[in-house]
Amino acid sequence: MIGNVNATKENIRAVGAFANELKVKRVDLLPYHELGVPKYEKLGRSYSENEFYTPSEEEKEQLKNILEEMGIAVTIGG
């Protein structure tokens, strides 16, 4: 789940619909993290901190609940 990229209710509903088509019963929602920042620095590349963010606990729970309502078991963090 990447804030400003795919951590939206619309996207998670589409993921749930696709998972149901494939008969997927369980998914792991992996929140965005910034562990790659030092790699960007070592490569001399800029890293836009404002572009991406980790969804809040409330946002993560909302997305989890959407999938659970669609009949999919969800774990946050893998």
C-alpha atoms as a PDB file:
ATOM      1  CA  MET A   1       0.000   0.000   0.000  1.00  0.00           C
ATOM      2  CA  ILE A   2       1.617   3.188  -1.235  1.00  0.00           C
ATOM      3  CA  GLY A   3       0.002   6.495  -0.392  1.00  0.00           C
ATOM      4  CA  ASN A   4      -0.592   8.642  -3.512  1.00  0.00           C
ATOM      5  CA  VAL A   5      -0.202   5.537  -5.692  1.00  0.00           C
ATOM      6  CA  ASN A   6      -2.432   2.549  -4.919  1.00  0.00           C
ATOM      7  CA  ALA A   7      -3.742   2.886  -1.348  1.00  0.00           C
ATOM      8  CA  THR A   8      -7.233   3.963  -2.375  1.00  0.00           C
ATOM      9  CA  LYS A   9     -10.642   2.444  -1.803  1.00  0.00           C
ATOM     10  CA  GLU A  10     -11.244   2.257  -5.555  1.00  0.00           C
ATOM     11  CA  ASN A  11      -7.984   0.418  -6.164  1.00  0.00           C
ATOM     12  CA  ILE A  12      -8.470  -2.023  -3.304  1.00  0.00           C
ATOM     13  CA  ARG A  13     -11.986  -2.845  -4.573  1.00  0.00           C
ATOM     14  CA  ALA A  14     -10.499  -3.595  -7.999  1.00  0.00           C
ATOM     15  CA  VAL A  15      -7.836  -5.776  -6.375  1.00  0.00           C
ATOM     16  CA  GLY A  16     -10.563  -7.580  -4.415  1.00  0.00           C
ATOM     17  CA  ALA A  17     -12.663  -8.143  -7.532  1.00  0.00           C
ATOM     18  CA  PHE A  18      -9.642  -9.530  -9.378  1.00  0.00           C
ATOM     19  CA  ALA A  19      -8.709 -11.736  -6.426  1.00  0.00           C
ATOM     20  CA  ASN A  20     -12.256 -13.103  -6.305  1.00  0.00           C
ATOM     21  CA  GLU A  21     -12.137 -13.875 -10.051  1.00  0.00           C
ATOM     22  CA  LEU A  22      -8.989 -15.889  -9.397  1.00  0.00           C
ATOM     23  CA  LYS A  23     -10.550 -17.550  -6.332  1.00  0.00           C
ATOM     24  CA  VAL A  24      -7.876 -16.057  -4.063  1.00  0.00           C
ATOM     25  CA  LYS A  25      -8.929 -16.542  -0.449  1.00  0.00           C
ATOM     26  CA  ARG A  26      -6.173 -14.624   1.366  1.00  0.00           C
ATOM     27  CA  VAL A  27      -3.948 -11.622   0.665  1.00  0.00           C
ATOM     28  CA  ASP A  28      -1.175  -9.777   2.488  1.00  0.00           C
ATOM     29  CA  LEU A  29      -1.328  -5.996   2.350  1.00  0.00           C
ATOM     30  CA  LEU A  30       2.213  -4.681   2.527  1.00  0.00           C
ATOM     31  CA  PRO A  31       2.542  -1.046   3.614  1.00  0.00           C
ATOM     32  CA  TYR A  32       5.066   1.184   1.916  1.00  0.00           C
ATOM     33  CA  HIS A  33       8.316   1.736   3.791  1.00  0.00           C
ATOM     34  CA  GLU A  34      11.355   3.936   3.265  1.00  0.00           C
ATOM     35  CA  LEU A  35      14.080   1.318   3.593  1.00  0.00           C
ATOM     36  CA  GLY A  36      15.267   2.117   0.068  1.00  0.00           C
ATOM     37  CA  VAL A  37      16.155   5.745   0.829  1.00  0.00           C
ATOM     38  CA  PRO A  38      19.850   5.004   1.583  1.00  0.00           C
ATOM     39  CA  LYS A  39      20.123   3.123  -1.730  1.00  0.00           C
ATOM     40  CA  TYR A  40      18.908   6.203  -3.606  1.00  0.00           C
ATOM     41  CA  GLU A  41      21.501   8.306  -1.787  1.00  0.00           C
ATOM     42  CA  LYS A  42      24.309   5.861  -2.616  1.00  0.00           C
ATOM     43  CA  LEU A  43      23.271   5.931  -6.283  1.00  0.00           C
ATOM     44  CA  GLY A  44      23.274   9.719  -6.276  1.00  0.00           C
ATOM     45  CA  ARG A  45      19.571   9.832  -7.106  1.00  0.00           C
ATOM     46  CA  SER A  46      17.050  12.157  -5.551  1.00  0.00           C
ATOM     47  CA  TYR A  47      14.260  10.707  -3.455  1.00  0.00           C
ATOM     48  CA  SER A  48      11.031  12.677  -3.224  1.00  0.00           C
ATOM     49  CA  GLU A  49       9.777  12.228   0.324  1.00  0.00           C
ATOM     50  CA  ASN A  50       6.521  13.995  -0.490  1.00  0.00           C
ATOM     51  CA  GLU A  51       5.627  11.754  -3.388  1.00  0.00           C
ATOM     52  CA  PHE A  52       4.886   8.550  -1.456  1.00  0.00           C
ATOM     53  CA  TYR A  53       3.828   7.823   2.093  1.00  0.00           C
ATOM     54  CA  THR A  54       2.895   4.959   4.366  1.00  0.00           C
ATOM     55  CA  PRO A  55      -0.870   4.878   4.938  1.00  0.00           C
ATOM     56  CA  SER A  56      -2.011   5.557   8.491  1.00  0.00           C
ATOM     57  CA  GLU A  57      -3.238   2.729  10.695  1.00  0.00           C
ATOM     58  CA  GLU A  58      -6.793   3.926  10.071  1.00  0.00           C
ATOM     59  CA  GLU A  59      -6.301   3.908   6.278  1.00  0.00           C
ATOM     60  CA  LYS A  60      -4.773   0.418   6.399  1.00  0.00           C
ATOM     61  CA  GLU A  61      -7.712  -0.888   8.440  1.00  0.00           C
ATOM     62  CA  GLN A  62     -10.217   0.667   6.029  1.00  0.00           C
ATOM     63  CA  LEU A  63      -8.573  -1.037   3.068  1.00  0.00           C
ATOM     64  CA  LYS A  64      -8.383  -4.315   4.977  1.00  0.00           C
ATOM     65  CA  ASN A  65     -12.079  -4.091   5.849  1.00  0.00           C
ATOM     66  CA  ILE A  66     -13.043  -3.581   2.201  1.00  0.00           C
ATOM     67  CA  LEU A  67     -11.318  -6.812   1.213  1.00  0.00           C
ATOM     68  CA  GLU A  68     -12.740  -8.708   4.177  1.00  0.00           C
ATOM     69  CA  GLU A  69     -16.243  -7.562   3.208  1.00  0.00           C
ATOM     70  CA  MET A  70     -15.521  -9.102  -0.200  1.00  0.00           C
ATOM     71  CA  GLY A  71     -14.814 -12.450   1.469  1.00  0.00           C
ATOM     72  CA  ILE A  72     -11.038 -12.283   1.411  1.00  0.00           C
ATOM     73  CA  ALA A  73      -8.920 -12.947   4.506  1.00  0.00           C
ATOM     74  CA  VAL A  74      -6.363 -10.176   4.973  1.00  0.00           C
ATOM     75  CA  THR A  75      -3.105  -9.801   6.845  1.00  0.00           C
ATOM     76  CA  ILE A  76      -1.404  -6.428   7.059  1.00  0.00           C
ATOM     77  CA  GLY A  77       2.355  -6.665   6.849  1.00  0.00           C
ATOM     78  CA  GLY A  78       2.672 -10.176   5.497  1.00  0.00           C
END
